[in-house]
N, C-alpha and C. Protein backbone atom coordinates (compact mmCIF):
# COMPACT_ATOMS: atom_id res chain seq x y z
N UNK A 1 111.52 98.22 104.92
CA UNK A 1 111.64 97.48 103.70
C UNK A 1 112.48 98.27 102.71
N UNK A 2 113.42 97.64 102.11
CA UNK A 2 114.23 98.27 101.07
C UNK A 2 113.40 98.49 99.81
N UNK A 3 113.77 99.44 98.96
CA UNK A 3 113.04 99.65 97.72
C UNK A 3 112.96 98.35 96.91
N UNK A 4 111.76 98.01 96.46
CA UNK A 4 111.56 96.82 95.65
C UNK A 4 111.44 95.52 96.44
N UNK A 5 111.70 95.54 97.74
CA UNK A 5 111.63 94.30 98.52
C UNK A 5 110.18 93.91 98.79
N UNK A 6 109.99 92.62 99.12
CA UNK A 6 108.66 92.06 99.34
C UNK A 6 108.61 91.35 100.69
N UNK A 7 107.42 91.29 101.26
CA UNK A 7 107.25 90.50 102.48
C UNK A 7 107.18 89.01 102.14
N UNK A 8 106.81 88.69 100.91
CA UNK A 8 106.54 87.32 100.51
C UNK A 8 105.09 87.00 100.87
N UNK A 9 104.50 86.09 100.13
CA UNK A 9 103.11 85.71 100.40
C UNK A 9 103.01 85.11 101.78
N UNK A 10 102.06 85.58 102.57
CA UNK A 10 101.87 85.07 103.92
C UNK A 10 100.43 85.31 104.37
N UNK A 11 100.07 84.63 105.45
CA UNK A 11 98.73 84.76 106.03
C UNK A 11 98.90 85.05 107.52
N UNK A 12 98.17 86.03 108.02
CA UNK A 12 98.19 86.35 109.44
C UNK A 12 97.22 85.44 110.18
N UNK A 13 97.69 84.83 111.24
CA UNK A 13 96.86 83.93 112.04
C UNK A 13 96.04 84.68 113.08
N UNK A 14 96.35 85.96 113.28
CA UNK A 14 95.63 86.79 114.25
C UNK A 14 95.23 88.11 113.59
N UNK A 15 94.23 88.78 114.16
CA UNK A 15 93.92 90.14 113.73
C UNK A 15 95.18 90.98 113.95
N UNK A 16 95.37 92.02 113.15
CA UNK A 16 96.58 92.82 113.31
C UNK A 16 96.36 94.27 112.90
N UNK A 17 97.25 95.12 113.38
CA UNK A 17 97.26 96.54 113.03
C UNK A 17 98.66 96.90 112.54
N UNK A 18 98.72 97.90 111.66
CA UNK A 18 100.00 98.36 111.12
C UNK A 18 100.08 99.87 111.34
N UNK A 19 101.20 100.32 111.91
CA UNK A 19 101.47 101.74 112.13
C UNK A 19 102.57 102.14 111.15
N UNK A 20 102.31 103.14 110.31
CA UNK A 20 103.27 103.57 109.29
C UNK A 20 104.14 104.69 109.84
N UNK A 21 105.45 104.51 109.78
CA UNK A 21 106.39 105.47 110.35
C UNK A 21 106.88 106.48 109.34
N UNK A 22 106.35 106.41 108.12
CA UNK A 22 106.69 107.37 107.07
C UNK A 22 105.59 107.36 106.02
N UNK A 23 105.61 108.33 105.15
CA UNK A 23 104.64 108.41 104.05
C UNK A 23 105.22 107.77 102.80
N UNK A 24 104.35 107.15 102.01
CA UNK A 24 104.78 106.53 100.77
C UNK A 24 103.73 105.57 100.25
N UNK A 25 104.10 104.80 99.22
CA UNK A 25 103.18 103.86 98.58
C UNK A 25 103.66 102.43 98.76
N UNK A 26 102.71 101.53 98.98
CA UNK A 26 103.01 100.10 99.01
C UNK A 26 102.09 99.41 98.01
N UNK A 27 102.63 98.43 97.30
CA UNK A 27 101.84 97.61 96.40
C UNK A 27 101.41 96.38 97.18
N UNK A 28 100.11 96.16 97.30
CA UNK A 28 99.58 95.02 98.05
C UNK A 28 98.96 94.04 97.06
N UNK A 29 99.48 92.82 97.03
CA UNK A 29 98.96 91.77 96.17
C UNK A 29 98.10 90.83 97.01
N UNK A 30 96.90 90.53 96.52
CA UNK A 30 96.02 89.55 97.16
C UNK A 30 95.55 88.58 96.08
N UNK A 31 94.85 87.55 96.48
CA UNK A 31 94.29 86.58 95.53
C UNK A 31 93.28 87.26 94.60
N UNK A 32 92.70 88.37 95.05
CA UNK A 32 91.70 89.09 94.26
C UNK A 32 92.32 90.11 93.30
N UNK A 33 93.62 90.38 93.43
CA UNK A 33 94.28 91.35 92.57
C UNK A 33 95.27 92.21 93.34
N UNK A 34 95.81 93.22 92.66
CA UNK A 34 96.82 94.10 93.25
C UNK A 34 96.29 95.52 93.38
N UNK A 35 96.80 96.22 94.39
CA UNK A 35 96.38 97.59 94.65
C UNK A 35 97.54 98.38 95.22
N UNK A 36 97.79 99.56 94.67
CA UNK A 36 98.79 100.45 95.26
C UNK A 36 98.09 101.31 96.30
N UNK A 37 98.65 101.32 97.52
CA UNK A 37 98.05 102.03 98.64
C UNK A 37 98.98 103.17 99.05
N UNK A 38 98.44 104.40 99.07
CA UNK A 38 99.20 105.57 99.53
C UNK A 38 98.97 105.72 101.03
N UNK A 39 100.06 105.80 101.78
CA UNK A 39 100.00 105.82 103.23
C UNK A 39 100.69 107.06 103.78
N UNK A 40 100.21 107.53 104.93
CA UNK A 40 100.77 108.71 105.57
C UNK A 40 101.44 108.34 106.88
N UNK A 41 102.52 109.04 107.19
CA UNK A 41 103.21 108.84 108.46
C UNK A 41 102.21 108.98 109.60
N UNK A 42 102.22 108.01 110.54
CA UNK A 42 101.32 108.02 111.68
C UNK A 42 99.99 107.34 111.43
N UNK A 43 99.68 107.02 110.18
CA UNK A 43 98.44 106.32 109.86
C UNK A 43 98.46 104.91 110.42
N UNK A 44 97.29 104.42 110.81
CA UNK A 44 97.15 103.06 111.32
C UNK A 44 96.08 102.35 110.49
N UNK A 45 96.36 101.13 110.07
CA UNK A 45 95.36 100.30 109.40
C UNK A 45 95.24 99.00 110.17
N UNK A 46 94.12 98.29 109.98
CA UNK A 46 93.96 97.00 110.66
C UNK A 46 93.24 96.04 109.72
N UNK A 47 93.49 94.76 109.96
CA UNK A 47 92.85 93.71 109.16
C UNK A 47 92.57 92.52 110.06
N UNK A 48 91.62 91.72 109.62
CA UNK A 48 91.29 90.52 110.36
C UNK A 48 92.22 89.37 109.99
N UNK A 49 92.31 88.41 110.86
CA UNK A 49 93.13 87.21 110.63
C UNK A 49 92.68 86.51 109.36
N UNK A 50 93.63 85.80 108.73
CA UNK A 50 93.30 84.96 107.59
C UNK A 50 93.56 85.57 106.23
N UNK A 51 93.85 86.87 106.17
CA UNK A 51 94.10 87.51 104.88
C UNK A 51 95.45 87.06 104.33
N UNK A 52 95.45 86.53 103.11
CA UNK A 52 96.71 86.11 102.48
C UNK A 52 97.13 87.21 101.51
N UNK A 53 98.39 87.65 101.61
CA UNK A 53 98.85 88.76 100.78
C UNK A 53 100.37 88.83 100.70
N UNK A 54 100.85 89.68 99.79
CA UNK A 54 102.26 90.02 99.64
C UNK A 54 102.33 91.53 99.55
N UNK A 55 103.27 92.15 100.25
CA UNK A 55 103.43 93.60 100.23
C UNK A 55 104.78 93.94 99.61
N UNK A 56 104.78 94.86 98.65
CA UNK A 56 105.99 95.27 97.93
C UNK A 56 106.23 96.76 98.16
N UNK A 57 107.47 97.11 98.51
CA UNK A 57 107.82 98.52 98.64
C UNK A 57 108.05 99.09 97.25
N UNK A 58 107.10 99.87 96.75
CA UNK A 58 107.21 100.43 95.41
C UNK A 58 107.84 101.82 95.40
N UNK A 59 108.39 102.23 96.55
CA UNK A 59 109.06 103.53 96.65
C UNK A 59 110.53 103.40 96.23
N UNK A 60 111.16 104.54 96.03
CA UNK A 60 112.60 104.56 95.72
C UNK A 60 113.42 104.69 97.00
N UNK A 61 112.75 104.58 98.15
CA UNK A 61 113.42 104.73 99.44
C UNK A 61 112.92 103.63 100.39
N UNK A 62 113.67 103.42 101.47
CA UNK A 62 113.27 102.46 102.48
C UNK A 62 111.94 102.89 103.10
N UNK A 63 111.05 101.94 103.32
CA UNK A 63 109.75 102.23 103.92
C UNK A 63 109.64 101.45 105.23
N UNK A 64 109.29 102.15 106.31
CA UNK A 64 109.29 101.54 107.64
C UNK A 64 107.89 101.55 108.24
N UNK A 65 107.49 100.41 108.79
CA UNK A 65 106.22 100.30 109.50
C UNK A 65 106.36 99.28 110.62
N UNK A 66 105.43 99.34 111.57
CA UNK A 66 105.40 98.40 112.68
C UNK A 66 104.09 97.63 112.59
N UNK A 67 104.19 96.31 112.66
CA UNK A 67 103.01 95.46 112.59
C UNK A 67 102.76 94.86 113.97
N UNK A 68 101.52 94.93 114.43
CA UNK A 68 101.16 94.44 115.76
C UNK A 68 100.07 93.39 115.63
N UNK A 69 100.38 92.15 116.02
CA UNK A 69 99.36 91.11 116.03
C UNK A 69 98.63 91.15 117.36
N UNK A 70 97.31 91.06 117.32
CA UNK A 70 96.50 91.21 118.51
C UNK A 70 96.18 89.85 119.12
N UNK A 71 96.62 89.65 120.36
CA UNK A 71 96.36 88.40 121.08
C UNK A 71 95.14 88.57 121.96
N UNK A 72 94.33 87.58 121.99
CA UNK A 72 93.15 87.58 122.87
C UNK A 72 93.48 86.79 124.12
N UNK A 73 93.06 87.28 125.29
CA UNK A 73 93.34 86.64 126.55
C UNK A 73 92.58 85.39 126.71
């Protein structure tokens, strides 16, 4: 994500995990409010399906992560 860019409001239809490829801060907006999250390179987070949110790169540099949606057999 480029500095200041956003994912746009969206909802995940499946449970998912995110692997952060660098350290930095992301601003996460939800219906309940906003929160700045400090993340470390190699950290993994996960959330359940249905969460509606927008993620903003609040860093002065590009921030890279990989998002994995979990499929059930």
